[in-house]
PDB file of N, CA and C in Angstrom:
ATOM      1  N   MET A   1       1.074 -12.951   9.452  1.00  0.00           N
ATOM      2  CA  MET A   1       0.987 -11.688  10.149  1.00  0.00           C
ATOM      3  C   MET A   1      -0.182 -10.891   9.590  1.00  0.00           C
ATOM      4  N   LEU A   2      -0.711  -9.989  10.381  1.00  0.00           N
ATOM      5  CA  LEU A   2      -1.871  -9.184   9.986  1.00  0.00           C
ATOM      6  C   LEU A   2      -1.426  -7.759   9.689  1.00  0.00           C
ATOM      7  N   VAL A   3      -1.777  -7.263   8.503  1.00  0.00           N
ATOM      8  CA  VAL A   3      -1.430  -5.914   8.063  1.00  0.00           C
ATOM      9  C   VAL A   3      -2.696  -5.241   7.558  1.00  0.00           C
ATOM     10  N   LYS A   4      -2.930  -3.997   7.977  1.00  0.00           N
ATOM     11  CA  LYS A   4      -4.061  -3.217   7.452  1.00  0.00           C
ATOM     12  C   LYS A   4      -3.559  -2.441   6.244  1.00  0.00           C
ATOM     13  N   VAL A   5      -4.245  -2.614   5.114  1.00  0.00           N
ATOM     14  CA  VAL A   5      -3.901  -1.914   3.879  1.00  0.00           C
ATOM     15  C   VAL A   5      -4.999  -0.898   3.597  1.00  0.00           C
ATOM     16  N   LYS A   6      -4.595   0.351   3.397  1.00  0.00           N
ATOM     17  CA  LYS A   6      -5.533   1.425   3.072  1.00  0.00           C
ATOM     18  C   LYS A   6      -5.172   1.984   1.709  1.00  0.00           C
ATOM     19  N   LEU A   7      -6.178   2.112   0.852  1.00  0.00           N
ATOM     20  CA  LEU A   7      -5.994   2.685  -0.478  1.00  0.00           C
ATOM     21  C   LEU A   7      -6.706   4.026  -0.546  1.00  0.00           C
ATOM     22  N   PHE A   8      -6.180   4.929  -1.354  1.00  0.00           N
ATOM     23  CA  PHE A   8      -6.733   6.267  -1.445  1.00  0.00           C
ATOM     24  C   PHE A   8      -6.981   6.670  -2.885  1.00  0.00           C
ATOM     25  N   ALA A   9      -7.924   7.583  -3.042  1.00  0.00           N
ATOM     26  CA  ALA A   9      -8.275   8.199  -4.330  1.00  0.00           C
ATOM     27  C   ALA A   9      -8.562   7.142  -5.400  1.00  0.00           C
ATOM     28  N   THR A  10      -7.945   7.272  -6.560  1.00  0.00           N
ATOM     29  CA  THR A  10      -8.248   6.384  -7.686  1.00  0.00           C
ATOM     30  C   THR A  10      -7.846   4.937  -7.432  1.00  0.00           C
ATOM     31  N   PHE A  11      -6.948   4.689  -6.503  1.00  0.00           N
ATOM     32  CA  PHE A  11      -6.559   3.308  -6.198  1.00  0.00           C
ATOM     33  C   PHE A  11      -7.699   2.519  -5.560  1.00  0.00           C
ATOM     34  N   ARG A  12      -8.713   3.195  -5.055  1.00  0.00           N
ATOM     35  CA  ARG A  12      -9.871   2.506  -4.460  1.00  0.00           C
ATOM     36  C   ARG A  12     -10.821   1.948  -5.516  1.00  0.00           C
ATOM     37  N   THR A  13     -10.799   2.500  -6.702  1.00  0.00           N
ATOM     38  CA  THR A  13     -11.738   2.106  -7.750  1.00  0.00           C
ATOM     39  C   THR A  13     -11.625   0.609  -8.038  1.00  0.00           C
ATOM     40  N   GLY A  14     -12.720  -0.103  -7.800  1.00  0.00           N
ATOM     41  CA  GLY A  14     -12.764  -1.539  -8.038  1.00  0.00           C
ATOM     42  C   GLY A  14     -12.006  -2.357  -6.999  1.00  0.00           C
ATOM     43  N   ARG A  15     -11.550  -1.711  -5.932  1.00  0.00           N
ATOM     44  CA  ARG A  15     -10.793  -2.429  -4.907  1.00  0.00           C
ATOM     45  C   ARG A  15     -11.482  -2.270  -3.562  1.00  0.00           C
ATOM     46  N   PHE A  16     -10.882  -1.541  -2.663  1.00  0.00           N
ATOM     47  CA  PHE A  16     -11.417  -1.351  -1.316  1.00  0.00           C
ATOM     48  C   PHE A  16     -10.838  -0.072  -0.719  1.00  0.00           C
ATOM     49  N   LYS A  17     -11.438   0.363   0.375  1.00  0.00           N
ATOM     50  CA  LYS A  17     -10.941   1.534   1.098  1.00  0.00           C
ATOM     51  C   LYS A  17      -9.889   1.104   2.120  1.00  0.00           C
ATOM     52  N   ALA A  18     -10.228   0.107   2.927  1.00  0.00           N
ATOM     53  CA  ALA A  18      -9.303  -0.432   3.929  1.00  0.00           C
ATOM     54  C   ALA A  18      -9.608  -1.911   4.116  1.00  0.00           C
ATOM     55  N   LYS A  19      -8.547  -2.693   4.340  1.00  0.00           N
ATOM     56  CA  LYS A  19      -8.730  -4.137   4.457  1.00  0.00           C
ATOM     57  C   LYS A  19      -7.625  -4.715   5.328  1.00  0.00           C
ATOM     58  N   ASP A  20      -8.012  -5.577   6.263  1.00  0.00           N
ATOM     59  CA  ASP A  20      -7.036  -6.324   7.046  1.00  0.00           C
ATOM     60  C   ASP A  20      -6.633  -7.545   6.235  1.00  0.00           C
ATOM     61  N   SER A  21      -5.331  -7.718   6.043  1.00  0.00           N
ATOM     62  CA  SER A  21      -4.829  -8.804   5.208  1.00  0.00           C
ATOM     63  C   SER A  21      -3.816  -9.646   5.963  1.00  0.00           C
ATOM     64  N   ILE A  22      -3.906 -10.944   5.780  1.00  0.00           N
ATOM     65  CA  ILE A  22      -2.923 -11.864   6.352  1.00  0.00           C
ATOM     66  C   ILE A  22      -1.823 -12.046   5.310  1.00  0.00           C
ATOM     67  N   MET A  23      -0.572 -11.806   5.732  1.00  0.00           N
ATOM     68  CA  MET A  23       0.565 -11.883   4.820  1.00  0.00           C
ATOM     69  C   MET A  23       1.668 -12.726   5.434  1.00  0.00           C
ATOM     70  N   ASP A  24       2.528 -13.236   4.579  1.00  0.00           N
ATOM     71  CA  ASP A  24       3.680 -14.012   5.032  1.00  0.00           C
ATOM     72  C   ASP A  24       4.751 -13.094   5.616  1.00  0.00           C
ATOM     73  N   GLU A  25       5.533 -13.622   6.548  1.00  0.00           N
ATOM     74  CA  GLU A  25       6.685 -12.894   7.066  1.00  0.00           C
ATOM     75  C   GLU A  25       7.597 -12.556   5.891  1.00  0.00           C
ATOM     76  N   GLY A  26       8.189 -11.381   5.910  1.00  0.00           N
ATOM     77  CA  GLY A  26       9.094 -10.971   4.847  1.00  0.00           C
ATOM     78  C   GLY A  26       8.429 -10.302   3.664  1.00  0.00           C
ATOM     79  N   THR A  27       7.103 -10.153   3.711  1.00  0.00           N
ATOM     80  CA  THR A  27       6.380  -9.494   2.623  1.00  0.00           C
ATOM     81  C   THR A  27       6.822  -8.030   2.531  1.00  0.00           C
ATOM     82  N   THR A  28       7.040  -7.561   1.302  1.00  0.00           N
ATOM     83  CA  THR A  28       7.443  -6.168   1.102  1.00  0.00           C
ATOM     84  C   THR A  28       6.262  -5.314   0.650  1.00  0.00           C
ATOM     85  N   VAL A  29       6.444  -4.024   0.779  1.00  0.00           N
ATOM     86  CA  VAL A  29       5.444  -3.073   0.286  1.00  0.00           C
ATOM     87  C   VAL A  29       5.235  -3.284  -1.214  1.00  0.00           C
ATOM     88  N   GLY A  30       6.309  -3.491  -1.947  1.00  0.00           N
ATOM     89  CA  GLY A  30       6.216  -3.698  -3.390  1.00  0.00           C
ATOM     90  C   GLY A  30       5.382  -4.914  -3.756  1.00  0.00           C
ATOM     91  N   TRP A  31       5.494  -5.984  -2.976  1.00  0.00           N
ATOM     92  CA  TRP A  31       4.689  -7.175  -3.231  1.00  0.00           C
ATOM     93  C   TRP A  31       3.212  -6.834  -3.105  1.00  0.00           C
ATOM     94  N   VAL A  32       2.854  -6.055  -2.089  1.00  0.00           N
ATOM     95  CA  VAL A  32       1.452  -5.660  -1.900  1.00  0.00           C
ATOM     96  C   VAL A  32       0.989  -4.825  -3.092  1.00  0.00           C
ATOM     97  N   VAL A  33       1.792  -3.853  -3.488  1.00  0.00           N
ATOM     98  CA  VAL A  33       1.457  -3.005  -4.638  1.00  0.00           C
ATOM     99  C   VAL A  33       1.214  -3.864  -5.884  1.00  0.00           C
ATOM    100  N   ASP A  34       2.125  -4.782  -6.147  1.00  0.00           N
ATOM    101  CA  ASP A  34       1.993  -5.632  -7.331  1.00  0.00           C
ATOM    102  C   ASP A  34       0.796  -6.577  -7.227  1.00  0.00           C
ATOM    103  N   SER A  35       0.547  -7.126  -6.045  1.00  0.00           N
ATOM    104  CA  SER A  35      -0.573  -8.063  -5.887  1.00  0.00           C
ATOM    105  C   SER A  35      -1.925  -7.379  -6.074  1.00  0.00           C
ATOM    106  N   LEU A  36      -1.972  -6.069  -5.824  1.00  0.00           N
ATOM    107  CA  LEU A  36      -3.203  -5.301  -6.025  1.00  0.00           C
ATOM    108  C   LEU A  36      -3.283  -4.731  -7.442  1.00  0.00           C
ATOM    109  N   HIS A  37      -2.291  -5.036  -8.265  1.00  0.00           N
ATOM    110  CA  HIS A  37      -2.222  -4.551  -9.649  1.00  0.00           C
ATOM    111  C   HIS A  37      -2.268  -3.028  -9.713  1.00  0.00           C
ATOM    112  N   LEU A  38      -1.561  -2.391  -8.764  1.00  0.00           N
ATOM    113  CA  LEU A  38      -1.439  -0.939  -8.778  1.00  0.00           C
ATOM    114  C   LEU A  38      -0.240  -0.590  -9.653  1.00  0.00           C
ATOM    115  N   PRO A  39      -0.435   0.249 -10.657  1.00  0.00           N
ATOM    116  CA  PRO A  39       0.679   0.596 -11.544  1.00  0.00           C
ATOM    117  C   PRO A  39       1.758   1.379 -10.789  1.00  0.00           C
ATOM    118  N   ARG A  40       2.961   0.850 -10.766  1.00  0.00           N
ATOM    119  CA  ARG A  40       4.042   1.504 -10.015  1.00  0.00           C
ATOM    120  C   ARG A  40       4.317   2.916 -10.520  1.00  0.00           C
ATOM    121  N   GLU A  41       4.118   3.151 -11.812  1.00  0.00           N
ATOM    122  CA  GLU A  41       4.361   4.495 -12.351  1.00  0.00           C
ATOM    123  C   GLU A  41       3.328   5.508 -11.858  1.00  0.00           C
ATOM    124  N   GLU A  42       2.236   5.035 -11.255  1.00  0.00           N
ATOM    125  CA  GLU A  42       1.211   5.927 -10.718  1.00  0.00           C
ATOM    126  C   GLU A  42       1.306   6.089  -9.206  1.00  0.00           C
ATOM    127  N   LEU A  43       2.283   5.422  -8.571  1.00  0.00           N
ATOM    128  CA  LEU A  43       2.432   5.544  -7.122  1.00  0.00           C
ATOM    129  C   LEU A  43       2.849   6.960  -6.755  1.00  0.00           C
ATOM    130  N   GLY A  44       2.190   7.479  -5.750  1.00  0.00           N
ATOM    131  CA  GLY A  44       2.552   8.786  -5.222  1.00  0.00           C
ATOM    132  C   GLY A  44       3.421   8.592  -4.003  1.00  0.00           C
ATOM    133  N   ILE A  45       2.775   8.514  -2.849  1.00  0.00           N
ATOM    134  CA  ILE A  45       3.504   8.304  -1.603  1.00  0.00           C
ATOM    135  C   ILE A  45       2.945   7.072  -0.909  1.00  0.00           C
ATOM    136  N   ILE A  46       3.824   6.389  -0.211  1.00  0.00           N
ATOM    137  CA  ILE A  46       3.436   5.204   0.543  1.00  0.00           C
ATOM    138  C   ILE A  46       3.841   5.435   1.990  1.00  0.00           C
ATOM    139  N   PHE A  47       2.874   5.305   2.890  1.00  0.00           N
ATOM    140  CA  PHE A  47       3.146   5.451   4.317  1.00  0.00           C
ATOM    141  C   PHE A  47       3.026   4.105   5.012  1.00  0.00           C
ATOM    142  N   LEU A  48       3.939   3.846   5.917  1.00  0.00           N
ATOM    143  CA  LEU A  48       3.869   2.677   6.777  1.00  0.00           C
ATOM    144  C   LEU A  48       3.879   3.198   8.200  1.00  0.00           C
ATOM    145  N   ASN A  49       2.754   3.017   8.876  1.00  0.00           N
ATOM    146  CA  ASN A  49       2.599   3.525  10.241  1.00  0.00           C
ATOM    147  C   ASN A  49       2.894   5.025  10.320  1.00  0.00           C
ATOM    148  N   GLY A  50       2.491   5.760   9.268  1.00  0.00           N
ATOM    149  CA  GLY A  50       2.632   7.211   9.267  1.00  0.00           C
ATOM    150  C   GLY A  50       3.969   7.737   8.780  1.00  0.00           C
ATOM    151  N   HIS A  51       4.857   6.867   8.319  1.00  0.00           N
ATOM    152  CA  HIS A  51       6.170   7.285   7.832  1.00  0.00           C
ATOM    153  C   HIS A  51       6.336   6.867   6.370  1.00  0.00           C
ATOM    154  N   ALA A  52       6.907   7.757   5.553  1.00  0.00           N
ATOM    155  CA  ALA A  52       7.117   7.455   4.141  1.00  0.00           C
ATOM    156  C   ALA A  52       8.114   6.305   3.988  1.00  0.00           C
ATOM    157  N   VAL A  53       7.791   5.368   3.086  1.00  0.00           N
ATOM    158  CA  VAL A  53       8.642   4.203   2.840  1.00  0.00           C
ATOM    159  C   VAL A  53       8.756   3.954   1.342  1.00  0.00           C
ATOM    160  N   THR A  54       9.606   2.996   0.980  1.00  0.00           N
ATOM    161  CA  THR A  54       9.796   2.597  -0.414  1.00  0.00           C
ATOM    162  C   THR A  54       9.203   1.206  -0.623  1.00  0.00           C
ATOM    163  N   PRO A  55       9.053   0.781  -1.884  1.00  0.00           N
ATOM    164  CA  PRO A  55       8.525  -0.561  -2.149  1.00  0.00           C
ATOM    165  C   PRO A  55       9.383  -1.690  -1.568  1.00  0.00           C
ATOM    166  N   GLU A  56      10.644  -1.429  -1.282  1.00  0.00           N
ATOM    167  CA  GLU A  56      11.538  -2.460  -0.743  1.00  0.00           C
ATOM    168  C   GLU A  56      11.340  -2.693   0.757  1.00  0.00           C
ATOM    169  N   THR A  57      10.579  -1.845   1.416  1.00  0.00           N
ATOM    170  CA  THR A  57      10.369  -1.949   2.861  1.00  0.00           C
ATOM    171  C   THR A  57       9.632  -3.238   3.214  1.00  0.00           C
ATOM    172  N   VAL A  58      10.124  -3.924   4.236  1.00  0.00           N
ATOM    173  CA  VAL A  58       9.513  -5.169   4.703  1.00  0.00           C
ATOM    174  C   VAL A  58       8.452  -4.842   5.744  1.00  0.00           C
ATOM    175  N   LEU A  59       7.298  -5.489   5.632  1.00  0.00           N
ATOM    176  CA  LEU A  59       6.183  -5.280   6.557  1.00  0.00           C
ATOM    177  C   LEU A  59       6.336  -6.147   7.800  1.00  0.00           C
ATOM    178  N   ASN A  60       5.704  -5.685   8.889  1.00  0.00           N
ATOM    179  CA  ASN A  60       5.689  -6.419  10.156  1.00  0.00           C
ATOM    180  C   ASN A  60       4.259  -6.571  10.646  1.00  0.00           C
ATOM    181  N   ASP A  61       4.044  -7.546  11.510  1.00  0.00           N
ATOM    182  CA  ASP A  61       2.726  -7.782  12.082  1.00  0.00           C
ATOM    183  C   ASP A  61       2.205  -6.510  12.747  1.00  0.00           C
ATOM    184  N   GLY A  62       0.955  -6.162  12.456  1.00  0.00           N
ATOM    185  CA  GLY A  62       0.314  -5.003  13.063  1.00  0.00           C
ATOM    186  C   GLY A  62       0.527  -3.697  12.323  1.00  0.00           C
ATOM    187  N   ASP A  63       1.283  -3.713  11.218  1.00  0.00           N
ATOM    188  CA  ASP A  63       1.532  -2.491  10.453  1.00  0.00           C
ATOM    189  C   ASP A  63       0.264  -1.999   9.767  1.00  0.00           C
ATOM    190  N   THR A  64       0.246  -0.678   9.502  1.00  0.00           N
ATOM    191  CA  THR A  64      -0.785  -0.069   8.669  1.00  0.00           C
ATOM    192  C   THR A  64      -0.096   0.539   7.463  1.00  0.00           C
ATOM    193  N   LEU A  65      -0.457   0.058   6.278  1.00  0.00           N
ATOM    194  CA  LEU A  65       0.129   0.491   5.017  1.00  0.00           C
ATOM    195  C   LEU A  65      -0.886   1.357   4.277  1.00  0.00           C
ATOM    196  N   SER A  66      -0.511   2.586   3.967  1.00  0.00           N
ATOM    197  CA  SER A  66      -1.389   3.522   3.255  1.00  0.00           C
ATOM    198  C   SER A  66      -0.750   3.865   1.921  1.00  0.00           C
ATOM    199  N   ILE A  67      -1.504   3.650   0.830  1.00  0.00           N
ATOM    200  CA  ILE A  67      -0.953   3.824  -0.517  1.00  0.00           C
ATOM    201  C   ILE A  67      -1.755   4.891  -1.262  1.00  0.00           C
ATOM    202  N   PHE A  68      -1.046   5.921  -1.723  1.00  0.00           N
ATOM    203  CA  PHE A  68      -1.654   7.044  -2.426  1.00  0.00           C
ATOM    204  C   PHE A  68      -1.146   7.111  -3.857  1.00  0.00           C
ATOM    205  N   PRO A  69      -2.030   7.433  -4.809  1.00  0.00           N
ATOM    206  CA  PRO A  69      -1.569   7.668  -6.185  1.00  0.00           C
ATOM    207  C   PRO A  69      -0.976   9.068  -6.307  1.00  0.00           C
ATOM    208  N   MET A  70      -0.288   9.298  -7.429  1.00  0.00           N
ATOM    209  CA  MET A  70       0.173  10.664  -7.708  1.00  0.00           C
ATOM    210  C   MET A  70      -1.037  11.556  -7.865  1.00  0.00           C
ATOM    211  N   VAL A  71      -0.861  12.798  -7.497  1.00  0.00           N
ATOM    212  CA  VAL A  71      -1.932  13.773  -7.613  1.00  0.00           C
ATOM    213  C   VAL A  71      -1.694  14.566  -8.874  1.00  0.00           C
ATOM    214  N   GLY A  72      -2.719  14.698  -9.681  1.00  0.00           N
ATOM    215  CA  GLY A  72      -2.608  15.471 -10.917  1.00  0.00           C
ATOM    216  C   GLY A  72      -3.526  16.665 -10.866  1.00  0.00           C
ATOM    217  N   GLY A  73      -3.374  17.515 -11.796  1.00  0.00           N
ATOM    218  CA  GLY A  73      -4.254  18.673 -11.874  1.00  0.00           C
ATOM    219  C   GLY A  73      -3.472  19.894 -12.288  1.00  0.00           C
ATOM    220  N   GLY A  74      -4.164  20.980 -12.288  1.00  0.00           N
ATOM    221  CA  GLY A  74      -3.440  22.190 -12.685  1.00  0.00           C
ATOM    222  C   GLY A  74      -4.377  23.325 -12.872  1.00  0.00           C
TER     223      GLY A  74
END
């Protein structure tokens, strides 16, 4: 299946901005996060087709996955 993965802010460093990826049926959001070596403790919000999801969410063909890090500052 084909899934578009979009990374934001610091998660783009050394990776990519957006990429179409071929994945196996049953792939979860968490698998994508881990395969990209994104630290789970730095995850902010994850959107799937514009809706907030958890790492346990299963992806489907044609989905768009957007992954944001936590925002810091003060």
